[in-house]
Amino acid sequence: MAVNSFDELPAGFRFDPSDDELVDIFLMKKVHNQPLPLHDIQKFDVFQTEPWMLPRDNRASLENRRYYFFDISNCNFQNMDTRAAGNGEWRIIKNNKDLALPNNHFIGRKNTLVYWRKKGNQFVKTQWMMHEFHIARIKIITPTVIDLTVENASVSARPPPSP
């Protein structure tokens, strides 16, 4: 049974895909213009604003404080440690976890990033965490699934990185 929207999920069901499912089911279908099992994953350039300003209008987001987006920015960030966003930046804290299917077929990568807000001439770590997923070895522009969560992270300040 294909479900077209989070609102149509039966009571008790939750949208909680594994990392492999996000890449193998959602990203692969998106790249190949195939229908998605759920269409409520919005397209949005998540690097244009602070994470608390991102749209949050689907039921799945409200239930578990996780927000899913297909990133539509034209930049390829796969080899960069920071990504400017609004008045701050996302910084990689865990690099390139390889994702594979049970048959060990490599399907993609996952990065984990934390948002640092600029405050004066320093950056302050926030509680926003992003999981960024990329498809492996596709020779077209690859959309990215963004999974944003608010975690209980400590707040600290440090000077901005040197250019």
N, C-alpha and C. Protein backbone atom coordinates (compact mmCIF):
# COMPACT_ATOMS: atom_id res chain seq x y z
N MET A 1 0.84 -1.18 0.00
CA MET A 1 0.00 0.00 0.00
C MET A 1 0.88 1.24 0.00
N ALA A 2 0.76 2.05 -1.00
CA ALA A 2 1.53 3.30 -1.06
C ALA A 2 0.77 4.39 -0.32
N VAL A 3 1.46 5.11 0.49
CA VAL A 3 0.87 6.21 1.24
C VAL A 3 1.41 7.50 0.65
N ASN A 4 0.52 8.47 0.39
CA ASN A 4 0.93 9.69 -0.28
C ASN A 4 1.27 10.83 0.66
N SER A 5 0.90 10.75 1.91
CA SER A 5 1.11 11.86 2.82
C SER A 5 1.24 11.36 4.25
N PHE A 6 1.98 12.09 5.07
CA PHE A 6 2.08 11.74 6.48
C PHE A 6 0.70 11.75 7.14
N ASP A 7 -0.18 12.63 6.69
CA ASP A 7 -1.51 12.72 7.27
C ASP A 7 -2.34 11.47 7.01
N GLU A 8 -1.97 10.66 6.02
CA GLU A 8 -2.73 9.47 5.69
C GLU A 8 -2.20 8.22 6.39
N LEU A 9 -1.16 8.35 7.20
CA LEU A 9 -0.63 7.19 7.91
C LEU A 9 -1.66 6.71 8.94
N PRO A 10 -1.83 5.39 9.06
CA PRO A 10 -2.75 4.88 10.08
C PRO A 10 -2.26 5.25 11.48
N ALA A 11 -3.18 5.31 12.43
CA ALA A 11 -2.82 5.62 13.82
C ALA A 11 -1.75 4.65 14.30
N GLY A 12 -0.75 5.17 14.99
CA GLY A 12 0.31 4.34 15.53
C GLY A 12 1.53 4.21 14.64
N PHE A 13 1.39 4.54 13.37
CA PHE A 13 2.53 4.47 12.46
C PHE A 13 3.34 5.75 12.55
N ARG A 14 4.65 5.63 12.44
CA ARG A 14 5.54 6.78 12.50
C ARG A 14 6.48 6.75 11.31
N PHE A 15 6.84 7.91 10.82
CA PHE A 15 7.84 8.01 9.76
C PHE A 15 9.19 8.03 10.44
N ASP A 16 9.89 6.92 10.42
CA ASP A 16 11.18 6.79 11.10
C ASP A 16 12.11 5.93 10.25
N PRO A 17 12.49 6.42 9.06
CA PRO A 17 13.31 5.60 8.16
C PRO A 17 14.74 5.45 8.67
N SER A 18 15.33 4.32 8.35
CA SER A 18 16.75 4.11 8.66
C SER A 18 17.59 4.94 7.69
N ASP A 19 18.87 5.07 7.98
CA ASP A 19 19.77 5.79 7.08
C ASP A 19 19.77 5.15 5.70
N ASP A 20 19.84 3.82 5.65
CA ASP A 20 19.85 3.11 4.37
C ASP A 20 18.56 3.36 3.60
N GLU A 21 17.41 3.37 4.30
CA GLU A 21 16.13 3.61 3.63
C GLU A 21 16.06 5.02 3.05
N LEU A 22 16.58 6.01 3.78
CA LEU A 22 16.57 7.37 3.24
C LEU A 22 17.32 7.46 1.92
N VAL A 23 18.44 6.77 1.84
CA VAL A 23 19.24 6.82 0.60
C VAL A 23 18.64 5.91 -0.47
N ASP A 24 18.41 4.65 -0.13
CA ASP A 24 18.00 3.66 -1.13
C ASP A 24 16.57 3.87 -1.62
N ILE A 25 15.68 4.28 -0.76
CA ILE A 25 14.28 4.44 -1.18
C ILE A 25 13.99 5.88 -1.59
N PHE A 26 14.26 6.84 -0.72
CA PHE A 26 13.85 8.21 -1.00
C PHE A 26 14.77 8.93 -1.98
N LEU A 27 16.08 8.95 -1.72
CA LEU A 27 16.98 9.67 -2.62
C LEU A 27 17.05 9.03 -4.00
N MET A 28 17.16 7.72 -4.06
CA MET A 28 17.23 7.05 -5.37
C MET A 28 15.99 7.33 -6.20
N LYS A 29 14.83 7.24 -5.56
CA LYS A 29 13.58 7.52 -6.30
C LYS A 29 13.53 8.98 -6.73
N LYS A 30 13.98 9.89 -5.88
CA LYS A 30 13.97 11.31 -6.22
C LYS A 30 14.87 11.58 -7.43
N VAL A 31 16.06 10.99 -7.44
CA VAL A 31 17.00 11.18 -8.54
C VAL A 31 16.43 10.66 -9.85
N HIS A 32 15.71 9.56 -9.78
CA HIS A 32 15.17 8.93 -10.99
C HIS A 32 13.73 9.34 -11.29
N ASN A 33 13.26 10.41 -10.64
CA ASN A 33 11.90 10.95 -10.85
C ASN A 33 10.82 9.89 -10.71
N GLN A 34 10.98 9.00 -9.76
CA GLN A 34 9.97 7.98 -9.47
C GLN A 34 9.11 8.46 -8.31
N PRO A 35 7.86 7.98 -8.23
CA PRO A 35 7.00 8.40 -7.12
C PRO A 35 7.59 7.96 -5.77
N LEU A 36 7.48 8.83 -4.81
CA LEU A 36 7.98 8.55 -3.46
C LEU A 36 6.88 7.89 -2.64
N PRO A 37 7.26 7.05 -1.66
CA PRO A 37 6.26 6.43 -0.80
C PRO A 37 5.46 7.49 -0.02
N LEU A 38 6.10 8.59 0.34
CA LEU A 38 5.45 9.73 1.00
C LEU A 38 5.92 10.98 0.29
N HIS A 39 5.02 11.92 0.08
CA HIS A 39 5.42 13.13 -0.65
C HIS A 39 5.63 14.34 0.25
N ASP A 40 5.56 14.18 1.54
CA ASP A 40 5.67 15.33 2.44
C ASP A 40 7.10 15.76 2.74
N ILE A 41 8.10 15.15 2.14
CA ILE A 41 9.47 15.65 2.30
C ILE A 41 9.61 16.83 1.35
N GLN A 42 9.77 18.01 1.93
CA GLN A 42 9.79 19.24 1.14
C GLN A 42 11.14 19.47 0.47
N LYS A 43 11.10 20.16 -0.66
CA LYS A 43 12.32 20.65 -1.30
C LYS A 43 12.61 22.02 -0.69
N PHE A 44 13.85 22.23 -0.27
CA PHE A 44 14.18 23.51 0.34
C PHE A 44 15.69 23.67 0.37
N ASP A 45 16.18 24.87 0.13
CA ASP A 45 17.61 25.15 0.25
C ASP A 45 17.89 25.45 1.72
N VAL A 46 18.30 24.44 2.46
CA VAL A 46 18.47 24.57 3.90
C VAL A 46 19.63 25.47 4.28
N PHE A 47 20.47 25.84 3.31
CA PHE A 47 21.63 26.67 3.61
C PHE A 47 21.36 28.15 3.38
N GLN A 48 20.11 28.54 3.19
CA GLN A 48 19.76 29.94 3.00
C GLN A 48 19.34 30.63 4.29
N THR A 49 19.13 29.87 5.37
CA THR A 49 18.62 30.47 6.60
C THR A 49 19.07 29.65 7.81
N GLU A 50 18.79 30.19 8.99
CA GLU A 50 19.08 29.47 10.22
C GLU A 50 18.10 28.30 10.34
N PRO A 51 18.49 27.24 11.05
CA PRO A 51 17.62 26.06 11.11
C PRO A 51 16.27 26.32 11.76
N TRP A 52 16.19 27.22 12.73
CA TRP A 52 14.91 27.48 13.39
C TRP A 52 13.95 28.26 12.50
N MET A 53 14.42 28.73 11.35
CA MET A 53 13.55 29.45 10.40
C MET A 53 13.08 28.54 9.26
N LEU A 54 13.49 27.29 9.24
CA LEU A 54 13.08 26.37 8.18
C LEU A 54 11.60 26.03 8.32
N PRO A 55 10.92 25.74 7.20
CA PRO A 55 9.50 25.39 7.28
C PRO A 55 9.31 24.10 8.07
N ARG A 56 8.28 24.09 8.91
CA ARG A 56 7.98 22.91 9.72
C ARG A 56 6.48 22.70 9.73
N ASP A 57 5.94 22.31 8.61
CA ASP A 57 4.48 22.26 8.54
C ASP A 57 3.93 20.87 8.25
N ASN A 58 4.69 19.81 8.51
CA ASN A 58 4.08 18.50 8.33
C ASN A 58 3.99 17.77 9.66
N ARG A 59 3.07 16.84 9.74
CA ARG A 59 2.77 16.15 10.99
C ARG A 59 3.96 15.38 11.54
N ALA A 60 4.74 14.76 10.67
CA ALA A 60 5.89 13.98 11.13
C ALA A 60 6.88 14.85 11.88
N SER A 61 7.05 16.08 11.43
CA SER A 61 7.97 17.00 12.09
C SER A 61 7.49 17.32 13.50
N LEU A 62 6.21 17.56 13.65
CA LEU A 62 5.67 17.97 14.93
C LEU A 62 5.74 16.84 15.96
N GLU A 63 5.60 15.60 15.51
CA GLU A 63 5.56 14.48 16.44
C GLU A 63 6.92 14.17 17.05
N ASN A 64 7.99 14.23 16.27
CA ASN A 64 9.26 13.76 16.80
C ASN A 64 10.39 14.78 16.71
N ARG A 65 10.07 16.03 16.41
CA ARG A 65 11.05 17.12 16.32
C ARG A 65 12.17 16.80 15.35
N ARG A 66 11.85 16.08 14.30
CA ARG A 66 12.78 15.81 13.20
C ARG A 66 12.16 16.41 11.96
N TYR A 67 12.99 17.01 11.12
CA TYR A 67 12.52 17.68 9.93
C TYR A 67 13.30 17.16 8.74
N TYR A 68 12.59 16.71 7.71
CA TYR A 68 13.23 16.13 6.54
C TYR A 68 13.06 17.06 5.36
N PHE A 69 14.15 17.27 4.61
CA PHE A 69 14.12 18.12 3.42
C PHE A 69 14.95 17.47 2.32
N PHE A 70 14.53 17.69 1.08
CA PHE A 70 15.43 17.47 -0.05
C PHE A 70 16.12 18.80 -0.26
N ASP A 71 17.43 18.83 -0.11
CA ASP A 71 18.17 20.08 -0.30
C ASP A 71 18.25 20.38 -1.79
N ILE A 72 17.86 21.60 -2.17
CA ILE A 72 17.86 21.97 -3.58
C ILE A 72 18.93 22.99 -3.90
N SER A 73 19.89 23.18 -2.99
CA SER A 73 20.97 24.12 -3.30
C SER A 73 21.81 23.56 -4.44
N ASN A 74 22.45 24.44 -5.18
CA ASN A 74 23.25 24.02 -6.32
C ASN A 74 24.69 23.72 -5.95
N CYS A 75 25.02 23.79 -4.67
CA CYS A 75 26.41 23.56 -4.24
C CYS A 75 26.63 22.09 -3.94
N ASN A 76 27.84 21.63 -4.21
CA ASN A 76 28.24 20.28 -3.83
C ASN A 76 29.12 20.40 -2.60
N PHE A 77 28.56 20.01 -1.44
CA PHE A 77 29.25 20.17 -0.17
C PHE A 77 29.97 18.91 0.28
N GLN A 78 29.98 17.87 -0.53
CA GLN A 78 30.48 16.58 -0.07
C GLN A 78 31.93 16.63 0.41
N ASN A 79 32.73 17.57 -0.07
CA ASN A 79 34.14 17.62 0.33
C ASN A 79 34.46 18.85 1.18
N MET A 80 33.46 19.45 1.81
CA MET A 80 33.66 20.65 2.62
C MET A 80 33.29 20.35 4.07
N ASP A 81 34.04 20.92 5.02
CA ASP A 81 33.78 20.70 6.44
C ASP A 81 32.76 21.67 7.03
N THR A 82 32.55 22.84 6.40
CA THR A 82 31.57 23.81 6.88
C THR A 82 30.70 24.26 5.73
N ARG A 83 29.47 24.68 6.08
CA ARG A 83 28.54 25.21 5.10
C ARG A 83 27.88 26.44 5.71
N ALA A 84 28.06 27.60 5.11
CA ALA A 84 27.44 28.83 5.60
C ALA A 84 25.93 28.69 5.49
N ALA A 85 25.23 29.21 6.49
CA ALA A 85 23.77 29.17 6.50
C ALA A 85 23.26 30.30 7.37
N GLY A 86 22.55 31.25 6.75
CA GLY A 86 22.03 32.37 7.52
C GLY A 86 23.15 33.10 8.23
N ASN A 87 22.97 33.37 9.52
CA ASN A 87 23.99 34.06 10.32
C ASN A 87 24.82 33.05 11.11
N GLY A 88 25.31 32.04 10.43
CA GLY A 88 26.11 31.02 11.09
C GLY A 88 26.60 30.01 10.08
N GLU A 89 26.92 28.83 10.60
CA GLU A 89 27.42 27.79 9.70
C GLU A 89 27.20 26.41 10.31
N TRP A 90 27.06 25.43 9.42
CA TRP A 90 27.01 24.04 9.81
C TRP A 90 28.43 23.49 9.77
N ARG A 91 28.83 22.77 10.82
CA ARG A 91 30.16 22.17 10.88
C ARG A 91 30.04 20.66 11.03
N ILE A 92 30.83 19.95 10.24
CA ILE A 92 30.83 18.49 10.32
C ILE A 92 31.46 18.06 11.64
N ILE A 93 30.76 17.16 12.35
CA ILE A 93 31.34 16.59 13.56
C ILE A 93 31.64 15.10 13.38
N LYS A 94 30.97 14.47 12.42
CA LYS A 94 31.25 13.07 12.09
C LYS A 94 31.30 12.97 10.58
N ASN A 95 32.40 12.51 10.05
CA ASN A 95 32.64 12.49 8.61
C ASN A 95 32.21 11.19 7.96
N ASN A 96 31.54 11.30 6.85
CA ASN A 96 31.34 10.23 5.88
C ASN A 96 31.19 8.82 6.44
N LYS A 97 30.05 8.55 7.03
CA LYS A 97 29.74 7.17 7.38
C LYS A 97 29.23 6.50 6.10
N ASP A 98 29.89 5.43 5.67
CA ASP A 98 29.45 4.73 4.47
C ASP A 98 28.17 3.97 4.77
N LEU A 99 27.24 3.99 3.82
CA LEU A 99 25.97 3.28 3.95
C LEU A 99 25.93 2.16 2.92
N ALA A 100 25.50 0.98 3.35
CA ALA A 100 25.44 -0.17 2.45
C ALA A 100 24.18 -0.97 2.72
N LEU A 101 23.72 -1.66 1.69
CA LEU A 101 22.59 -2.58 1.81
C LEU A 101 23.07 -3.86 2.48
N PRO A 102 22.15 -4.74 2.91
CA PRO A 102 22.57 -6.00 3.55
C PRO A 102 23.55 -6.83 2.71
N ASN A 103 23.49 -6.70 1.38
CA ASN A 103 24.42 -7.45 0.52
C ASN A 103 25.77 -6.74 0.37
N ASN A 104 26.02 -5.73 1.22
CA ASN A 104 27.25 -4.92 1.23
C ASN A 104 27.42 -4.04 0.00
N HIS A 105 26.35 -3.81 -0.75
CA HIS A 105 26.38 -2.90 -1.90
C HIS A 105 26.40 -1.46 -1.37
N PHE A 106 27.48 -0.72 -1.64
CA PHE A 106 27.65 0.66 -1.19
C PHE A 106 26.63 1.55 -1.88
N ILE A 107 25.81 2.28 -1.10
CA ILE A 107 24.76 3.11 -1.70
C ILE A 107 24.92 4.59 -1.42
N GLY A 108 25.70 4.98 -0.43
CA GLY A 108 25.82 6.40 -0.14
C GLY A 108 26.62 6.69 1.10
N ARG A 109 26.53 7.97 1.52
CA ARG A 109 27.27 8.44 2.69
C ARG A 109 26.38 9.31 3.57
N LYS A 110 26.78 9.37 4.83
CA LYS A 110 26.09 10.21 5.81
C LYS A 110 27.12 11.06 6.54
N ASN A 111 26.84 12.36 6.64
CA ASN A 111 27.63 13.28 7.47
C ASN A 111 26.73 13.76 8.61
N THR A 112 27.32 14.04 9.75
CA THR A 112 26.60 14.64 10.87
C THR A 112 27.21 16.02 11.12
N LEU A 113 26.34 17.04 11.18
CA LEU A 113 26.78 18.42 11.35
C LEU A 113 26.04 19.07 12.51
N VAL A 114 26.66 20.09 13.11
CA VAL A 114 26.04 20.90 14.17
C VAL A 114 26.05 22.35 13.69
N TYR A 115 24.98 23.09 14.03
CA TYR A 115 24.89 24.50 13.63
C TYR A 115 25.55 25.39 14.68
N TRP A 116 26.43 26.29 14.20
CA TRP A 116 27.10 27.29 15.03
C TRP A 116 26.60 28.66 14.59
N ARG A 117 26.01 29.42 15.53
CA ARG A 117 25.49 30.75 15.23
C ARG A 117 26.56 31.80 15.52
N LYS A 118 26.69 32.75 14.61
CA LYS A 118 27.68 33.82 14.79
C LYS A 118 27.13 34.83 15.80
N LYS A 119 27.95 35.14 16.80
CA LYS A 119 27.58 36.11 17.82
C LYS A 119 28.79 37.01 18.01
N GLY A 120 28.72 38.23 17.45
CA GLY A 120 29.88 39.11 17.46
C GLY A 120 30.96 38.54 16.57
N ASN A 121 32.16 38.35 17.13
CA ASN A 121 33.23 37.76 16.33
C ASN A 121 33.50 36.31 16.73
N GLN A 122 32.53 35.69 17.42
CA GLN A 122 32.65 34.29 17.81
C GLN A 122 31.49 33.50 17.26
N PHE A 123 31.64 32.18 17.28
CA PHE A 123 30.55 31.28 16.93
C PHE A 123 30.11 30.54 18.18
N VAL A 124 28.80 30.40 18.37
CA VAL A 124 28.24 29.72 19.52
C VAL A 124 27.54 28.45 19.03
N LYS A 125 27.90 27.33 19.61
CA LYS A 125 27.30 26.05 19.24
C LYS A 125 25.83 26.04 19.67
N THR A 126 24.95 25.59 18.78
CA THR A 126 23.53 25.49 19.11
C THR A 126 23.14 24.03 19.33
N GLN A 127 21.87 23.80 19.59
CA GLN A 127 21.36 22.45 19.80
C GLN A 127 20.87 21.81 18.50
N TRP A 128 21.08 22.46 17.37
CA TRP A 128 20.62 21.93 16.09
C TRP A 128 21.65 20.98 15.49
N MET A 129 21.18 19.80 15.12
CA MET A 129 22.04 18.80 14.50
C MET A 129 21.43 18.39 13.16
N MET A 130 22.28 18.18 12.17
CA MET A 130 21.83 17.78 10.84
C MET A 130 22.52 16.48 10.44
N HIS A 131 21.75 15.59 9.85
CA HIS A 131 22.29 14.40 9.22
C HIS A 131 22.09 14.59 7.72
N GLU A 132 23.17 14.55 6.99
CA GLU A 132 23.17 14.83 5.55
C GLU A 132 23.49 13.54 4.82
N PHE A 133 22.63 13.17 3.86
CA PHE A 133 22.79 11.91 3.14
C PHE A 133 23.05 12.18 1.66
N HIS A 134 24.00 11.46 1.09
CA HIS A 134 24.35 11.59 -0.32
C HIS A 134 24.32 10.21 -0.98
N ILE A 135 23.89 10.18 -2.23
CA ILE A 135 23.93 8.95 -3.02
C ILE A 135 25.34 8.76 -3.56
N ALA A 136 25.75 7.52 -3.66
CA ALA A 136 27.08 7.19 -4.19
C ALA A 136 27.07 7.11 -5.71
N ARG A 137 28.11 7.64 -6.31
CA ARG A 137 28.45 7.44 -7.72
C ARG A 137 27.33 7.66 -8.72
N ILE A 138 26.61 8.74 -8.57
CA ILE A 138 25.61 9.11 -9.55
C ILE A 138 26.18 10.28 -10.33
N LYS A 139 26.15 10.24 -11.63
CA LYS A 139 26.81 11.26 -12.45
C LYS A 139 25.90 12.42 -12.80
N ILE A 140 24.83 12.60 -12.06
CA ILE A 140 23.97 13.76 -12.26
C ILE A 140 23.97 14.56 -10.97
N ILE A 141 23.36 15.73 -10.97
CA ILE A 141 23.28 16.51 -9.73
C ILE A 141 22.49 15.69 -8.72
N THR A 142 23.09 15.43 -7.59
CA THR A 142 22.51 14.55 -6.60
C THR A 142 21.79 15.35 -5.52
N PRO A 143 20.47 15.16 -5.38
CA PRO A 143 19.81 15.81 -4.27
C PRO A 143 20.28 15.20 -2.96
N THR A 144 20.11 15.94 -1.91
CA THR A 144 20.55 15.52 -0.59
C THR A 144 19.35 15.48 0.33
N VAL A 145 19.23 14.45 1.15
CA VAL A 145 18.20 14.44 2.18
C VAL A 145 18.82 15.03 3.42
N ILE A 146 18.10 15.95 4.03
CA ILE A 146 18.54 16.59 5.27
C ILE A 146 17.59 16.15 6.37
N ASP A 147 18.13 15.63 7.45
CA ASP A 147 17.37 15.21 8.62
C ASP A 147 17.85 16.10 9.77
N LEU A 148 17.03 17.07 10.18
CA LEU A 148 17.40 18.01 11.24
C LEU A 148 16.78 17.58 12.55
N THR A 149 17.56 17.62 13.61
CA THR A 149 17.04 17.33 14.94
C THR A 149 17.54 18.37 15.92
N VAL A 150 16.77 18.59 16.97
CA VAL A 150 17.20 19.45 18.06
C VAL A 150 17.63 18.53 19.19
N GLU A 151 18.88 18.61 19.57
CA GLU A 151 19.43 17.74 20.60
C GLU A 151 19.76 18.59 21.82
N ASN A 152 19.99 17.94 22.94
CA ASN A 152 20.47 18.63 24.14
C ASN A 152 21.99 18.72 24.04
N ALA A 153 22.46 19.73 23.34
CA ALA A 153 23.90 19.92 23.15
C ALA A 153 24.37 21.03 24.07
N SER A 154 25.61 20.94 24.49
CA SER A 154 26.14 22.00 25.34
C SER A 154 26.39 23.25 24.51
N VAL A 155 26.32 24.39 25.15
CA VAL A 155 26.54 25.66 24.47
C VAL A 155 27.93 26.15 24.84
N SER A 156 28.72 26.47 23.84
CA SER A 156 30.05 27.00 24.09
C SER A 156 30.38 28.00 23.00
N ALA A 157 31.37 28.83 23.25
CA ALA A 157 31.76 29.85 22.27
C ALA A 157 33.20 29.61 21.87
N ARG A 158 33.49 29.90 20.61
CA ARG A 158 34.87 29.86 20.15
C ARG A 158 35.00 30.78 18.96
N PRO A 159 36.21 31.27 18.71
CA PRO A 159 36.38 32.20 17.59
C PRO A 159 36.11 31.52 16.26
N PRO A 160 35.75 32.31 15.24
CA PRO A 160 35.50 31.71 13.93
C PRO A 160 36.78 31.10 13.38
N PRO A 161 36.63 30.07 12.51
CA PRO A 161 37.82 29.45 11.94
C PRO A 161 38.56 30.42 11.04
N SER A 162 39.87 30.23 10.94
CA SER A 162 40.68 31.07 10.06
C SER A 162 40.37 30.74 8.62
N PRO A 163 40.35 31.76 7.72
CA PRO A 163 40.04 31.49 6.31
C PRO A 163 41.14 30.71 5.64
